[in-house]
Every structure is written in C-alpha cells, then in structure tokens.
Amino acid sequence: MANAKILAEKEQAVAEVTEKFKASASTIIADYRGLNVAQVTQLRKTLREAGIEFVVLKNSLARRASANAELSALDEYLTGPTAIAFSKDDLVAPAKILTEFAKKNDQLSVKGGVVEGRVVGYDQIKALAELPSRDGLLSMLLSVLQAPVRNFALAVKAVAEKKEAEGQA
C-alpha cells in the first residue's frame, strides 16, 4: 500500500495543477520529445519572460487535475511526454511563443489546450497564434477610433484654408 505521505503529496500536486487549469486564461499542451536541454532552457526563458509558467507533468497527474477542473476532454492530448504552458493573463502569448518555437524546432509539437475554459485542438491554437498581440489589437482599435476625428479635423482645416484663400482674393 502506498505511503500516506506520498499520497498526500500527490493529492496536493493534483490540487495545485487543478487550480492552474481553472485560473489560466490560456493553457497549451505540447510534446517536447527530442528537445535538448539548451532548447528547453531557451523555451522556458522565453515563456517566463512573457509571464507564462511551463511545466512538465506526468500524464496521470494532469488527467486527474483536468478531470477536477471539468476539462476531461483534454485527456486525448495527454499522451506521450507532456509539457503544459499556463498563462493567467495573456490569452495569445503562449500560443504565439510555442507555435513560433515549434516552427524553428521540429521536435516540439503543440497538441492542443484550453482557451477561456474551452478545450481546443491544434488548429484553433494555430489560429490564435496568428492573431496580433494585445498591444497590436489595441493600436488597431485606437487607429479606428481616431479616424473619424482625424477626418473631421482635416475637413475643418480644408474649409478654413478655402475661406482664407477666398478672403485674400
């Protein structure tokens, strides 16, 4: 029979991962088989700089945590060597970073994940990665909001210049 201390540690680990699943805006599951230590270190550094937690988990632990978080559909992605990126704040960043890294390193493959509480496959993760960043989207929105004001200002300026030209003539 398993030691009570070991069981308590495993239950605690499952509870922590369950909380990460629930708290994440975006969770990406990847197969890291074939990456060397330097590549994994570089990937972890890039993700950490973006505020993303990247962990390697046993599939049995990840399955229990996903079931506790009511994300049992993730089980199909929890096969083979599994690494999971948890992002609390940025929805797009983990998808962007992992898909970019996978383009440069064939050994990494994105399997699927959870986006805003919905289990999604690789195609949806790839589509998410192709979206502009949050800052890019905000600048696009600002540009759209400024356009009417800018056009009005140009029209007023043109009318003023026309009246001034008529006044001089």
C-alpha atoms as a PDB file:
ATOM      1  CA  MET A   1       0.000   0.000   0.000  1.00  0.00           C
ATOM      2  CA  ALA A   2       1.209   3.479  -0.826  1.00  0.00           C
ATOM      3  CA  ASN A   3       2.657   5.618   1.869  1.00  0.00           C
ATOM      4  CA  ALA A   4       0.181   8.154   3.305  1.00  0.00           C
ATOM      5  CA  LYS A   5       2.757  10.935   2.985  1.00  0.00           C
ATOM      6  CA  ILE A   6       3.295  10.205  -0.713  1.00  0.00           C
ATOM      7  CA  LEU A   7      -0.470  10.105  -1.333  1.00  0.00           C
ATOM      8  CA  ALA A   8      -0.882  13.452   0.430  1.00  0.00           C
ATOM      9  CA  GLU A   9       1.895  14.960  -1.732  1.00  0.00           C
ATOM     10  CA  LYS A  10       0.257  13.644  -4.895  1.00  0.00           C
ATOM     11  CA  GLU A  11      -3.142  14.987  -3.841  1.00  0.00           C
ATOM     12  CA  GLN A  12      -1.533  18.371  -3.167  1.00  0.00           C
ATOM     13  CA  ALA A  13       0.137  18.334  -6.610  1.00  0.00           C
ATOM     14  CA  VAL A  14      -3.176  17.467  -8.297  1.00  0.00           C
ATOM     15  CA  ALA A  15      -4.892  20.287  -6.392  1.00  0.00           C
ATOM     16  CA  GLU A  16      -2.215  22.785  -7.489  1.00  0.00           C
ATOM     17  CA  VAL A  17      -2.453  21.772 -11.148  1.00  0.00           C
ATOM     18  CA  THR A  18      -6.277  21.833 -10.958  1.00  0.00           C
ATOM     19  CA  GLU A  19      -6.084  25.412  -9.687  1.00  0.00           C
ATOM     20  CA  LYS A  20      -3.700  26.324 -12.535  1.00  0.00           C
ATOM     21  CA  PHE A  21      -6.159  24.903 -15.069  1.00  0.00           C
ATOM     22  CA  LYS A  22      -9.002  26.917 -13.525  1.00  0.00           C
ATOM     23  CA  ALA A  23      -7.019  30.167 -13.175  1.00  0.00           C
ATOM     24  CA  SER A  24      -5.477  30.144 -16.660  1.00  0.00           C
ATOM     25  CA  ALA A  25      -6.844  32.251 -19.467  1.00  0.00           C
ATOM     26  CA  SER A  26      -4.930  30.012 -21.850  1.00  0.00           C
ATOM     27  CA  THR A  27      -3.296  26.612 -21.384  1.00  0.00           C
ATOM     28  CA  ILE A  28      -1.273  24.955 -24.152  1.00  0.00           C
ATOM     29  CA  ILE A  29      -0.211  21.300 -24.149  1.00  0.00           C
ATOM     30  CA  ALA A  30       2.897  20.333 -26.099  1.00  0.00           C
ATOM     31  CA  ASP A  31       5.046  17.288 -26.792  1.00  0.00           C
ATOM     32  CA  TYR A  32       8.660  18.208 -26.126  1.00  0.00           C
ATOM     33  CA  ARG A  33      10.212  14.839 -27.094  1.00  0.00           C
ATOM     34  CA  GLY A  34      13.553  15.324 -28.811  1.00  0.00           C
ATOM     35  CA  LEU A  35      14.382  18.788 -27.497  1.00  0.00           C
ATOM     36  CA  ASN A  36      17.792  19.063 -25.876  1.00  0.00           C
ATOM     37  CA  VAL A  37      18.445  20.812 -22.570  1.00  0.00           C
ATOM     38  CA  ALA A  38      19.575  24.052 -24.229  1.00  0.00           C
ATOM     39  CA  GLN A  39      16.405  24.231 -26.342  1.00  0.00           C
ATOM     40  CA  VAL A  40      14.113  23.554 -23.369  1.00  0.00           C
ATOM     41  CA  THR A  41      16.003  26.146 -21.311  1.00  0.00           C
ATOM     42  CA  GLN A  42      15.600  28.738 -24.073  1.00  0.00           C
ATOM     43  CA  LEU A  43      11.880  27.930 -24.404  1.00  0.00           C
ATOM     44  CA  ARG A  44      11.345  28.178 -20.633  1.00  0.00           C
ATOM     45  CA  LYS A  45      13.201  31.520 -20.550  1.00  0.00           C
ATOM     46  CA  THR A  46      11.086  32.950 -23.369  1.00  0.00           C
ATOM     47  CA  LEU A  47       7.862  31.792 -21.723  1.00  0.00           C
ATOM     48  CA  ARG A  48       8.914  33.016 -18.275  1.00  0.00           C
ATOM     49  CA  GLU A  49       9.689  36.488 -19.690  1.00  0.00           C
ATOM     50  CA  ALA A  50       6.105  36.579 -21.006  1.00  0.00           C
ATOM     51  CA  GLY A  51       4.712  35.592 -17.583  1.00  0.00           C
ATOM     52  CA  ILE A  52       3.860  32.041 -18.619  1.00  0.00           C
ATOM     53  CA  GLU A  53       4.507  29.014 -16.431  1.00  0.00           C
ATOM     54  CA  PHE A  54       5.855  25.981 -18.322  1.00  0.00           C
ATOM     55  CA  VAL A  55       5.833  22.638 -16.505  1.00  0.00           C
ATOM     56  CA  VAL A  56       6.441  19.015 -17.391  1.00  0.00           C
ATOM     57  CA  LEU A  57       3.821  16.777 -15.795  1.00  0.00           C
ATOM     58  CA  LYS A  58       3.049  13.112 -15.555  1.00  0.00           C
ATOM     59  CA  ASN A  59       0.007  12.382 -17.687  1.00  0.00           C
ATOM     60  CA  SER A  60      -1.796  10.611 -14.831  1.00  0.00           C
ATOM     61  CA  LEU A  61      -1.454  13.697 -12.637  1.00  0.00           C
ATOM     62  CA  ALA A  62      -2.517  16.005 -15.466  1.00  0.00           C
ATOM     63  CA  ARG A  63      -5.562  13.798 -16.230  1.00  0.00           C
ATOM     64  CA  ARG A  64      -6.732  13.868 -12.617  1.00  0.00           C
ATOM     65  CA  ALA A  65      -6.268  17.640 -12.452  1.00  0.00           C
ATOM     66  CA  SER A  66      -8.100  18.182 -15.748  1.00  0.00           C
ATOM     67  CA  ALA A  67     -10.965  15.970 -14.531  1.00  0.00           C
ATOM     68  CA  ASN A  68     -11.156  18.001 -11.295  1.00  0.00           C
ATOM     69  CA  ALA A  69     -11.227  21.189 -13.377  1.00  0.00           C
ATOM     70  CA  GLU A  70     -14.029  19.678 -15.518  1.00  0.00           C
ATOM     71  CA  LEU A  71     -11.785  19.557 -18.602  1.00  0.00           C
ATOM     72  CA  SER A  72     -11.841  15.806 -19.222  1.00  0.00           C
ATOM     73  CA  ALA A  73     -11.786  16.404 -22.993  1.00  0.00           C
ATOM     74  CA  LEU A  74      -8.079  17.225 -22.550  1.00  0.00           C
ATOM     75  CA  ASP A  75      -7.322  13.541 -21.979  1.00  0.00           C
ATOM     76  CA  GLU A  76      -6.847  12.926 -25.697  1.00  0.00           C
ATOM     77  CA  TYR A  77      -3.905  15.384 -25.665  1.00  0.00           C
ATOM     78  CA  LEU A  78      -2.320  13.964 -22.512  1.00  0.00           C
ATOM     79  CA  THR A  79      -0.285  11.213 -24.158  1.00  0.00           C
ATOM     80  CA  GLY A  80       3.458  10.844 -24.502  1.00  0.00           C
ATOM     81  CA  PRO A  81       5.851  13.361 -22.970  1.00  0.00           C
ATOM     82  CA  THR A  82       3.685  16.287 -21.900  1.00  0.00           C
ATOM     83  CA  ALA A  83       4.619  19.852 -21.104  1.00  0.00           C
ATOM     84  CA  ILE A  84       1.963  22.409 -20.264  1.00  0.00           C
ATOM     85  CA  ALA A  85       2.140  26.203 -20.528  1.00  0.00           C
ATOM     86  CA  PHE A  86      -0.206  28.076 -18.170  1.00  0.00           C
ATOM     87  CA  SER A  87      -0.954  31.761 -18.779  1.00  0.00           C
ATOM     88  CA  LYS A  88      -3.133  33.634 -16.304  1.00  0.00           C
ATOM     89  CA  ASP A  89      -3.210  36.979 -18.105  1.00  0.00           C
ATOM     90  CA  ASP A  90      -2.378  36.778 -21.785  1.00  0.00           C
ATOM     91  CA  LEU A  91      -4.628  34.639 -23.942  1.00  0.00           C
ATOM     92  CA  VAL A  92      -2.490  34.764 -27.083  1.00  0.00           C
ATOM     93  CA  ALA A  93       1.122  34.761 -25.803  1.00  0.00           C
ATOM     94  CA  PRO A  94       1.561  31.033 -25.020  1.00  0.00           C
ATOM     95  CA  ALA A  95       0.091  30.013 -28.372  1.00  0.00           C
ATOM     96  CA  LYS A  96       2.307  32.518 -30.195  1.00  0.00           C
ATOM     97  CA  ILE A  97       5.516  31.577 -28.386  1.00  0.00           C
ATOM     98  CA  LEU A  98       5.019  27.809 -28.634  1.00  0.00           C
ATOM     99  CA  THR A  99       3.976  27.784 -32.296  1.00  0.00           C
ATOM    100  CA  GLU A 100       6.892  30.083 -33.229  1.00  0.00           C
ATOM    101  CA  PHE A 101       9.289  27.830 -31.309  1.00  0.00           C
ATOM    102  CA  ALA A 102       7.781  24.750 -32.979  1.00  0.00           C
ATOM    103  CA  LYS A 103       8.410  26.293 -36.436  1.00  0.00           C
ATOM    104  CA  LYS A 104      12.124  26.581 -35.617  1.00  0.00           C
ATOM    105  CA  ASN A 105      12.375  23.270 -33.725  1.00  0.00           C
ATOM    106  CA  ASP A 106      10.609  20.327 -35.330  1.00  0.00           C
ATOM    107  CA  GLN A 107      10.891  18.295 -32.127  1.00  0.00           C
ATOM    108  CA  LEU A 108       8.323  20.440 -30.306  1.00  0.00           C
ATOM    109  CA  SER A 109       4.739  19.860 -31.313  1.00  0.00           C
ATOM    110  CA  VAL A 110       1.690  21.660 -29.984  1.00  0.00           C
ATOM    111  CA  LYS A 111      -1.102  19.187 -29.269  1.00  0.00           C
ATOM    112  CA  GLY A 112      -3.998  21.299 -28.036  1.00  0.00           C
ATOM    113  CA  GLY A 113      -5.107  23.153 -24.971  1.00  0.00           C
ATOM    114  CA  VAL A 114      -7.709  25.201 -23.172  1.00  0.00           C
ATOM    115  CA  VAL A 115      -8.679  28.716 -24.208  1.00  0.00           C
ATOM    116  CA  GLU A 116     -11.085  30.579 -21.925  1.00  0.00           C
ATOM    117  CA  GLY A 117     -12.389  27.330 -20.464  1.00  0.00           C
ATOM    118  CA  ARG A 118     -12.904  25.567 -23.833  1.00  0.00           C
ATOM    119  CA  VAL A 119     -10.795  22.603 -24.916  1.00  0.00           C
ATOM    120  CA  VAL A 120      -9.358  23.285 -28.375  1.00  0.00           C
ATOM    121  CA  GLY A 121      -7.168  21.423 -30.835  1.00  0.00           C
ATOM    122  CA  TYR A 122      -4.016  22.381 -32.689  1.00  0.00           C
ATOM    123  CA  ASP A 123      -5.876  24.210 -35.480  1.00  0.00           C
ATOM    124  CA  GLN A 124      -7.538  26.599 -33.033  1.00  0.00           C
ATOM    125  CA  ILE A 125      -4.234  27.134 -31.193  1.00  0.00           C
ATOM    126  CA  LYS A 126      -2.539  27.950 -34.514  1.00  0.00           C
ATOM    127  CA  ALA A 127      -5.328  30.401 -35.429  1.00  0.00           C
ATOM    128  CA  LEU A 128      -4.973  32.038 -32.017  1.00  0.00           C
ATOM    129  CA  ALA A 129      -1.209  32.337 -32.514  1.00  0.00           C
ATOM    130  CA  GLU A 130      -1.752  34.182 -35.794  1.00  0.00           C
ATOM    131  CA  LEU A 131      -3.765  36.931 -34.089  1.00  0.00           C
ATOM    132  CA  PRO A 132      -1.963  40.202 -33.436  1.00  0.00           C
ATOM    133  CA  SER A 133      -0.696  40.755 -29.905  1.00  0.00           C
ATOM    134  CA  ARG A 134      -2.795  42.598 -27.332  1.00  0.00           C
ATOM    135  CA  ASP A 135      -0.805  45.768 -27.941  1.00  0.00           C
ATOM    136  CA  GLY A 136      -1.242  45.361 -31.694  1.00  0.00           C
ATOM    137  CA  LEU A 137      -5.003  44.940 -31.303  1.00  0.00           C
ATOM    138  CA  LEU A 138      -5.193  47.986 -29.037  1.00  0.00           C
ATOM    139  CA  SER A 139      -3.273  50.112 -31.534  1.00  0.00           C
ATOM    140  CA  MET A 140      -5.608  48.955 -34.333  1.00  0.00           C
ATOM    141  CA  LEU A 141      -8.620  49.870 -32.198  1.00  0.00           C
ATOM    142  CA  LEU A 142      -7.138  53.262 -31.370  1.00  0.00           C
ATOM    143  CA  SER A 143      -6.473  53.914 -35.046  1.00  0.00           C
ATOM    144  CA  VAL A 144     -10.074  53.050 -35.922  1.00  0.00           C
ATOM    145  CA  LEU A 145     -11.390  55.287 -33.144  1.00  0.00           C
ATOM    146  CA  GLN A 146      -9.155  58.197 -34.190  1.00  0.00           C
ATOM    147  CA  ALA A 147     -10.055  58.052 -37.890  1.00  0.00           C
ATOM    148  CA  PRO A 148     -13.383  59.981 -37.680  1.00  0.00           C
ATOM    149  CA  VAL A 149     -11.853  62.701 -35.512  1.00  0.00           C
ATOM    150  CA  ARG A 150      -8.813  62.978 -37.809  1.00  0.00           C
ATOM    151  CA  ASN A 151     -11.037  63.178 -40.913  1.00  0.00           C
ATOM    152  CA  PHE A 152     -13.205  65.851 -39.253  1.00  0.00           C
ATOM    153  CA  ALA A 153     -10.111  67.874 -38.338  1.00  0.00           C
ATOM    154  CA  LEU A 154      -8.824  67.637 -41.919  1.00  0.00           C
ATOM    155  CA  ALA A 155     -12.206  68.762 -43.270  1.00  0.00           C
ATOM    156  CA  VAL A 156     -12.308  71.746 -40.896  1.00  0.00           C
ATOM    157  CA  LYS A 157      -8.755  72.671 -41.865  1.00  0.00           C
ATOM    158  CA  ALA A 158      -9.624  72.446 -45.578  1.00  0.00           C
ATOM    159  CA  VAL A 159     -12.683  74.702 -45.098  1.00  0.00           C
ATOM    160  CA  ALA A 160     -10.580  77.209 -43.131  1.00  0.00           C
ATOM    161  CA  GLU A 161      -7.890  77.244 -45.821  1.00  0.00           C
ATOM    162  CA  LYS A 162     -10.534  77.732 -48.531  1.00  0.00           C
ATOM    163  CA  LYS A 163     -12.125  80.663 -46.655  1.00  0.00           C
ATOM    164  CA  GLU A 164      -8.690  82.175 -46.085  1.00  0.00           C
ATOM    165  CA  ALA A 165      -7.842  81.831 -49.768  1.00  0.00           C
ATOM    166  CA  GLU A 166     -11.190  83.462 -50.722  1.00  0.00           C
ATOM    167  CA  GLY A 167     -10.553  86.276 -48.225  1.00  0.00           C
ATOM    168  CA  GLN A 168      -7.160  87.049 -49.803  1.00  0.00           C
ATOM    169  CA  ALA A 169      -8.591  87.104 -53.301  1.00  0.00           C
END
